[in-house]
Amino acid sequence: QGQLVESGGGLVQAGGSLRLSCAASGRSFSGYAMGWFRQAPGRDREFVATISASGSSTYYADSVRGRFTISRDNAKNTVSLQMNSLKPEDTAIYYCAASEVYPFVREGPAGYWGQGTQVTVSS
């Protein structure tokens, strides 16, 4: 069984940057679309970004487009999320996910999930 482990979360001031990483193990995810979702306190988990298996195609939520960049390294079995110009409303637990379907903007198609990493943006 494959596993996904996120890292890179933390506390940052508004306007700052963070880079999240997701390391896959147990199997190769090179044939899977990968995605990032987030869940703020009291809210449902929401889609952030997704990338195709080859890395040639990406798709973003309107709220992060232009500020966040998703990328992947299939040789290293990793996916990253570069977050710039962070806002307090970006505060959430960020989750990495894998799916056989691209693009996936809802939780249903995801077959694998990480445990999440906390991102806190102070004003």
N, C-alpha and C. Protein backbone atom coordinates (compact mmCIF):
# COMPACT_ATOMS: atom_id res chain seq x y z
N GLN A 1 0.83 -1.19 0.00
CA GLN A 1 0.00 0.00 0.00
C GLN A 1 0.86 1.23 0.00
N GLY A 2 0.46 2.23 -0.76
CA GLY A 2 1.21 3.46 -0.81
C GLY A 2 0.87 4.38 0.32
N GLN A 3 1.84 5.24 0.65
CA GLN A 3 1.64 6.24 1.70
C GLN A 3 2.12 7.59 1.20
N LEU A 4 1.46 8.63 1.69
CA LEU A 4 1.83 10.00 1.38
C LEU A 4 2.11 10.73 2.68
N VAL A 5 3.23 11.44 2.73
CA VAL A 5 3.61 12.17 3.94
C VAL A 5 3.95 13.61 3.57
N GLU A 6 3.20 14.55 4.14
CA GLU A 6 3.43 15.97 3.88
C GLU A 6 4.43 16.55 4.87
N SER A 7 5.11 17.60 4.43
CA SER A 7 6.01 18.34 5.31
C SER A 7 6.11 19.77 4.78
N GLY A 8 6.69 20.64 5.61
CA GLY A 8 6.93 22.00 5.18
C GLY A 8 5.98 23.04 5.72
N GLY A 9 4.97 22.61 6.45
CA GLY A 9 4.04 23.57 7.03
C GLY A 9 4.69 24.38 8.14
N GLY A 10 4.00 25.41 8.59
CA GLY A 10 4.53 26.23 9.67
C GLY A 10 3.77 27.54 9.79
N LEU A 11 4.37 28.45 10.54
CA LEU A 11 3.79 29.77 10.78
C LEU A 11 4.53 30.81 9.95
N VAL A 12 3.78 31.63 9.22
CA VAL A 12 4.39 32.64 8.37
C VAL A 12 3.53 33.89 8.41
N GLN A 13 4.16 35.04 8.21
CA GLN A 13 3.40 36.29 8.17
C GLN A 13 2.73 36.47 6.81
N ALA A 14 1.66 37.23 6.82
CA ALA A 14 0.97 37.54 5.57
C ALA A 14 1.95 38.14 4.58
N GLY A 15 1.86 37.70 3.33
CA GLY A 15 2.77 38.14 2.29
C GLY A 15 3.98 37.25 2.12
N GLY A 16 4.17 36.34 3.05
CA GLY A 16 5.31 35.44 3.01
C GLY A 16 5.08 34.23 2.14
N SER A 17 6.05 33.31 2.17
CA SER A 17 6.00 32.12 1.33
C SER A 17 6.30 30.86 2.14
N LEU A 18 5.76 29.76 1.68
CA LEU A 18 6.07 28.45 2.21
C LEU A 18 6.09 27.45 1.06
N ARG A 19 6.86 26.40 1.22
CA ARG A 19 6.88 25.33 0.22
C ARG A 19 6.54 24.03 0.92
N LEU A 20 5.43 23.43 0.53
CA LEU A 20 5.02 22.15 1.06
C LEU A 20 5.53 21.03 0.16
N SER A 21 5.89 19.93 0.79
CA SER A 21 6.33 18.76 0.05
C SER A 21 5.50 17.55 0.45
N CYS A 22 5.35 16.64 -0.48
CA CYS A 22 4.63 15.39 -0.23
C CYS A 22 5.50 14.26 -0.75
N ALA A 23 5.92 13.41 0.15
CA ALA A 23 6.77 12.28 -0.22
C ALA A 23 5.92 11.02 -0.27
N ALA A 24 6.01 10.32 -1.38
CA ALA A 24 5.25 9.09 -1.55
C ALA A 24 6.17 7.90 -1.30
N SER A 25 5.62 6.86 -0.73
CA SER A 25 6.39 5.65 -0.49
C SER A 25 5.49 4.44 -0.62
N GLY A 26 6.10 3.28 -0.71
CA GLY A 26 5.33 2.05 -0.76
C GLY A 26 4.95 1.62 -2.16
N ARG A 27 4.90 2.57 -3.08
CA ARG A 27 4.60 2.29 -4.47
C ARG A 27 4.94 3.54 -5.27
N SER A 28 5.02 3.40 -6.58
CA SER A 28 5.24 4.55 -7.44
C SER A 28 3.91 5.24 -7.73
N PHE A 29 3.92 6.56 -7.63
CA PHE A 29 2.74 7.34 -7.96
C PHE A 29 2.90 8.07 -9.28
N SER A 30 3.86 7.65 -10.08
CA SER A 30 4.13 8.34 -11.34
C SER A 30 2.96 8.24 -12.32
N GLY A 31 2.11 7.26 -12.15
CA GLY A 31 0.95 7.11 -13.02
C GLY A 31 -0.31 7.74 -12.47
N TYR A 32 -0.21 8.43 -11.34
CA TYR A 32 -1.35 9.04 -10.67
C TYR A 32 -1.31 10.55 -10.81
N ALA A 33 -2.48 11.14 -10.94
CA ALA A 33 -2.60 12.57 -10.74
C ALA A 33 -2.42 12.85 -9.25
N MET A 34 -1.83 13.98 -8.93
CA MET A 34 -1.63 14.36 -7.54
C MET A 34 -2.34 15.68 -7.28
N GLY A 35 -2.70 15.87 -6.02
CA GLY A 35 -3.42 17.10 -5.70
C GLY A 35 -3.16 17.56 -4.29
N TRP A 36 -3.49 18.80 -4.03
CA TRP A 36 -3.45 19.37 -2.69
C TRP A 36 -4.85 19.89 -2.35
N PHE A 37 -5.27 19.57 -1.14
CA PHE A 37 -6.52 20.06 -0.59
C PHE A 37 -6.20 20.73 0.75
N ARG A 38 -7.14 21.48 1.27
CA ARG A 38 -6.93 22.10 2.58
C ARG A 38 -8.24 22.17 3.35
N GLN A 39 -8.10 22.19 4.67
CA GLN A 39 -9.27 22.29 5.54
C GLN A 39 -9.00 23.29 6.64
N ALA A 40 -9.77 24.37 6.63
CA ALA A 40 -9.68 25.38 7.67
C ALA A 40 -10.62 25.00 8.82
N PRO A 41 -10.37 25.53 10.02
CA PRO A 41 -11.24 25.21 11.16
C PRO A 41 -12.70 25.52 10.88
N GLY A 42 -13.56 24.55 11.15
CA GLY A 42 -14.98 24.76 10.97
C GLY A 42 -15.46 24.71 9.53
N ARG A 43 -14.58 24.35 8.61
CA ARG A 43 -14.98 24.33 7.21
C ARG A 43 -14.70 22.96 6.60
N ASP A 44 -15.35 22.69 5.48
CA ASP A 44 -15.09 21.45 4.77
C ASP A 44 -13.74 21.50 4.07
N ARG A 45 -13.22 20.32 3.80
CA ARG A 45 -11.97 20.26 3.05
C ARG A 45 -12.24 20.74 1.62
N GLU A 46 -11.31 21.54 1.09
CA GLU A 46 -11.52 22.11 -0.25
C GLU A 46 -10.32 21.88 -1.13
N PHE A 47 -10.59 21.88 -2.43
CA PHE A 47 -9.56 21.69 -3.43
C PHE A 47 -8.65 22.90 -3.51
N VAL A 48 -7.35 22.66 -3.73
CA VAL A 48 -6.37 23.73 -3.90
C VAL A 48 -5.72 23.67 -5.29
N ALA A 49 -5.12 22.52 -5.61
CA ALA A 49 -4.40 22.40 -6.88
C ALA A 49 -4.24 20.93 -7.24
N THR A 50 -4.10 20.67 -8.54
CA THR A 50 -3.87 19.30 -9.00
C THR A 50 -2.92 19.32 -10.19
N ILE A 51 -2.20 18.20 -10.37
CA ILE A 51 -1.23 18.09 -11.45
C ILE A 51 -1.38 16.71 -12.08
N SER A 52 -1.25 16.66 -13.39
CA SER A 52 -1.39 15.39 -14.09
C SER A 52 -0.22 14.46 -13.81
N ALA A 53 -0.36 13.21 -14.21
CA ALA A 53 0.67 12.21 -13.94
C ALA A 53 2.02 12.60 -14.56
N SER A 54 1.99 13.14 -15.74
CA SER A 54 3.24 13.52 -16.41
C SER A 54 3.77 14.86 -15.91
N GLY A 55 2.92 15.64 -15.27
CA GLY A 55 3.31 16.97 -14.83
C GLY A 55 3.08 18.05 -15.87
N SER A 56 2.54 17.68 -17.00
CA SER A 56 2.39 18.64 -18.09
C SER A 56 1.16 19.53 -17.95
N SER A 57 0.25 19.15 -17.07
CA SER A 57 -0.98 19.92 -16.91
C SER A 57 -1.26 20.17 -15.43
N THR A 58 -1.70 21.37 -15.13
CA THR A 58 -2.04 21.75 -13.76
C THR A 58 -3.37 22.50 -13.74
N TYR A 59 -3.99 22.51 -12.57
CA TYR A 59 -5.25 23.23 -12.41
C TYR A 59 -5.34 23.71 -10.98
N TYR A 60 -5.87 24.94 -10.81
CA TYR A 60 -5.88 25.57 -9.49
C TYR A 60 -7.27 26.08 -9.12
N ALA A 61 -7.50 26.14 -7.83
CA ALA A 61 -8.68 26.83 -7.33
C ALA A 61 -8.51 28.32 -7.60
N ASP A 62 -9.62 29.00 -7.84
CA ASP A 62 -9.56 30.43 -8.13
C ASP A 62 -8.87 31.21 -7.00
N SER A 63 -9.07 30.75 -5.78
CA SER A 63 -8.55 31.48 -4.62
C SER A 63 -7.03 31.47 -4.53
N VAL A 64 -6.37 30.54 -5.22
CA VAL A 64 -4.91 30.44 -5.12
C VAL A 64 -4.20 30.63 -6.46
N ARG A 65 -4.96 30.67 -7.55
CA ARG A 65 -4.35 30.79 -8.87
C ARG A 65 -3.52 32.06 -8.94
N GLY A 66 -2.30 31.93 -9.44
CA GLY A 66 -1.39 33.06 -9.53
C GLY A 66 -0.49 33.22 -8.32
N ARG A 67 -0.84 32.56 -7.22
CA ARG A 67 -0.03 32.65 -6.00
C ARG A 67 0.64 31.31 -5.66
N PHE A 68 -0.04 30.21 -5.96
CA PHE A 68 0.47 28.88 -5.65
C PHE A 68 0.90 28.18 -6.93
N THR A 69 1.92 27.32 -6.80
CA THR A 69 2.39 26.52 -7.93
C THR A 69 2.60 25.08 -7.49
N ILE A 70 1.96 24.16 -8.19
CA ILE A 70 2.13 22.74 -7.90
C ILE A 70 3.13 22.17 -8.89
N SER A 71 3.98 21.26 -8.42
CA SER A 71 4.96 20.62 -9.29
C SER A 71 5.20 19.21 -8.76
N ARG A 72 5.85 18.40 -9.57
CA ARG A 72 6.16 17.03 -9.16
C ARG A 72 7.48 16.58 -9.74
N ASP A 73 8.08 15.60 -9.06
CA ASP A 73 9.31 14.96 -9.52
C ASP A 73 9.06 13.47 -9.45
N ASN A 74 8.73 12.87 -10.57
CA ASN A 74 8.37 11.45 -10.57
C ASN A 74 9.57 10.56 -10.25
N ALA A 75 10.76 11.01 -10.56
CA ALA A 75 11.95 10.23 -10.23
C ALA A 75 12.13 10.11 -8.73
N LYS A 76 11.72 11.16 -8.01
CA LYS A 76 11.85 11.17 -6.55
C LYS A 76 10.54 10.82 -5.85
N ASN A 77 9.48 10.62 -6.64
CA ASN A 77 8.18 10.27 -6.07
C ASN A 77 7.69 11.36 -5.11
N THR A 78 7.83 12.60 -5.52
CA THR A 78 7.43 13.72 -4.67
C THR A 78 6.57 14.71 -5.45
N VAL A 79 5.77 15.45 -4.72
CA VAL A 79 4.99 16.55 -5.27
C VAL A 79 5.12 17.73 -4.31
N SER A 80 5.17 18.93 -4.85
CA SER A 80 5.37 20.12 -4.03
C SER A 80 4.30 21.17 -4.30
N LEU A 81 4.14 22.05 -3.34
CA LEU A 81 3.23 23.18 -3.51
C LEU A 81 3.96 24.42 -3.01
N GLN A 82 4.35 25.27 -3.94
CA GLN A 82 4.99 26.54 -3.61
C GLN A 82 3.89 27.57 -3.39
N MET A 83 3.87 28.16 -2.20
CA MET A 83 2.82 29.11 -1.84
C MET A 83 3.44 30.48 -1.60
N ASN A 84 3.09 31.43 -2.42
CA ASN A 84 3.59 32.80 -2.30
C ASN A 84 2.45 33.75 -1.97
N SER A 85 2.82 34.93 -1.51
CA SER A 85 1.83 35.97 -1.19
C SER A 85 0.72 35.42 -0.30
N LEU A 86 1.12 34.73 0.74
CA LEU A 86 0.15 34.07 1.61
C LEU A 86 -0.73 35.08 2.35
N LYS A 87 -1.97 34.65 2.56
CA LYS A 87 -2.96 35.47 3.22
C LYS A 87 -3.47 34.74 4.47
N PRO A 88 -3.98 35.47 5.44
CA PRO A 88 -4.53 34.80 6.63
C PRO A 88 -5.59 33.74 6.27
N GLU A 89 -6.35 33.98 5.24
CA GLU A 89 -7.38 33.02 4.84
C GLU A 89 -6.81 31.73 4.23
N ASP A 90 -5.50 31.68 4.02
CA ASP A 90 -4.86 30.44 3.57
C ASP A 90 -4.56 29.51 4.74
N THR A 91 -4.80 29.99 5.96
CA THR A 91 -4.57 29.16 7.14
C THR A 91 -5.45 27.92 7.11
N ALA A 92 -4.82 26.75 7.21
CA ALA A 92 -5.55 25.48 7.11
C ALA A 92 -4.57 24.33 7.30
N ILE A 93 -5.12 23.14 7.41
CA ILE A 93 -4.33 21.93 7.30
C ILE A 93 -4.32 21.56 5.82
N TYR A 94 -3.14 21.35 5.28
CA TYR A 94 -2.99 21.03 3.86
C TYR A 94 -2.71 19.53 3.69
N TYR A 95 -3.46 18.93 2.78
CA TYR A 95 -3.37 17.51 2.54
C TYR A 95 -2.93 17.22 1.11
N CYS A 96 -2.08 16.22 0.98
CA CYS A 96 -1.67 15.70 -0.32
C CYS A 96 -2.56 14.51 -0.65
N ALA A 97 -2.89 14.36 -1.92
CA ALA A 97 -3.75 13.26 -2.33
C ALA A 97 -3.34 12.75 -3.71
N ALA A 98 -3.69 11.50 -3.98
CA ALA A 98 -3.38 10.88 -5.28
C ALA A 98 -4.65 10.27 -5.86
N SER A 99 -4.78 10.37 -7.17
CA SER A 99 -5.96 9.85 -7.83
C SER A 99 -5.62 9.30 -9.20
N GLU A 100 -6.38 8.31 -9.64
CA GLU A 100 -6.20 7.78 -10.98
C GLU A 100 -6.88 8.68 -12.00
N VAL A 101 -7.62 9.67 -11.52
CA VAL A 101 -8.39 10.56 -12.39
C VAL A 101 -7.74 11.94 -12.39
N TYR A 102 -7.62 12.53 -13.58
CA TYR A 102 -7.16 13.92 -13.68
C TYR A 102 -8.09 14.70 -14.59
N PRO A 103 -8.47 15.92 -14.22
CA PRO A 103 -8.16 16.54 -12.93
C PRO A 103 -9.13 16.05 -11.86
N PHE A 104 -8.75 16.14 -10.62
CA PHE A 104 -9.69 15.83 -9.57
C PHE A 104 -9.77 17.01 -8.61
N VAL A 105 -10.96 17.54 -8.48
CA VAL A 105 -11.20 18.73 -7.66
C VAL A 105 -12.13 18.43 -6.50
N ARG A 106 -12.49 17.18 -6.35
CA ARG A 106 -13.28 16.74 -5.20
C ARG A 106 -12.59 15.57 -4.53
N GLU A 107 -12.97 15.31 -3.30
CA GLU A 107 -12.29 14.27 -2.52
C GLU A 107 -12.56 12.87 -3.06
N GLY A 108 -13.71 12.67 -3.65
CA GLY A 108 -14.13 11.32 -4.02
C GLY A 108 -13.14 10.52 -4.85
N PRO A 109 -12.58 11.11 -5.91
CA PRO A 109 -11.68 10.34 -6.77
C PRO A 109 -10.32 10.01 -6.15
N ALA A 110 -10.00 10.61 -5.03
CA ALA A 110 -8.68 10.39 -4.42
C ALA A 110 -8.64 9.05 -3.71
N GLY A 111 -7.66 8.24 -4.05
CA GLY A 111 -7.53 6.93 -3.42
C GLY A 111 -6.52 6.91 -2.30
N TYR A 112 -5.68 7.94 -2.23
CA TYR A 112 -4.65 8.01 -1.19
C TYR A 112 -4.63 9.43 -0.62
N TRP A 113 -4.41 9.49 0.71
CA TRP A 113 -4.33 10.77 1.42
C TRP A 113 -3.18 10.76 2.39
N GLY A 114 -2.55 11.93 2.55
CA GLY A 114 -1.57 12.09 3.59
C GLY A 114 -2.25 12.49 4.88
N GLN A 115 -1.45 12.68 5.92
CA GLN A 115 -2.00 13.00 7.24
C GLN A 115 -2.20 14.50 7.44
N GLY A 116 -1.63 15.30 6.55
CA GLY A 116 -1.80 16.75 6.61
C GLY A 116 -0.67 17.47 7.30
N THR A 117 -0.49 18.73 6.92
CA THR A 117 0.50 19.60 7.56
C THR A 117 -0.15 20.97 7.78
N GLN A 118 0.08 21.55 8.96
CA GLN A 118 -0.58 22.79 9.33
C GLN A 118 0.15 24.00 8.74
N VAL A 119 -0.61 24.87 8.13
CA VAL A 119 -0.10 26.16 7.65
C VAL A 119 -0.88 27.25 8.36
N THR A 120 -0.17 28.15 9.02
CA THR A 120 -0.79 29.26 9.72
C THR A 120 -0.20 30.57 9.22
N VAL A 121 -1.06 31.46 8.75
CA VAL A 121 -0.62 32.75 8.22
C VAL A 121 -1.14 33.84 9.15
N SER A 122 -0.22 34.56 9.74
CA SER A 122 -0.61 35.62 10.68
C SER A 122 -0.73 36.95 9.94
N SER A 123 -1.62 37.80 10.44
CA SER A 123 -1.85 39.09 9.79
C SER A 123 -0.97 40.18 10.37
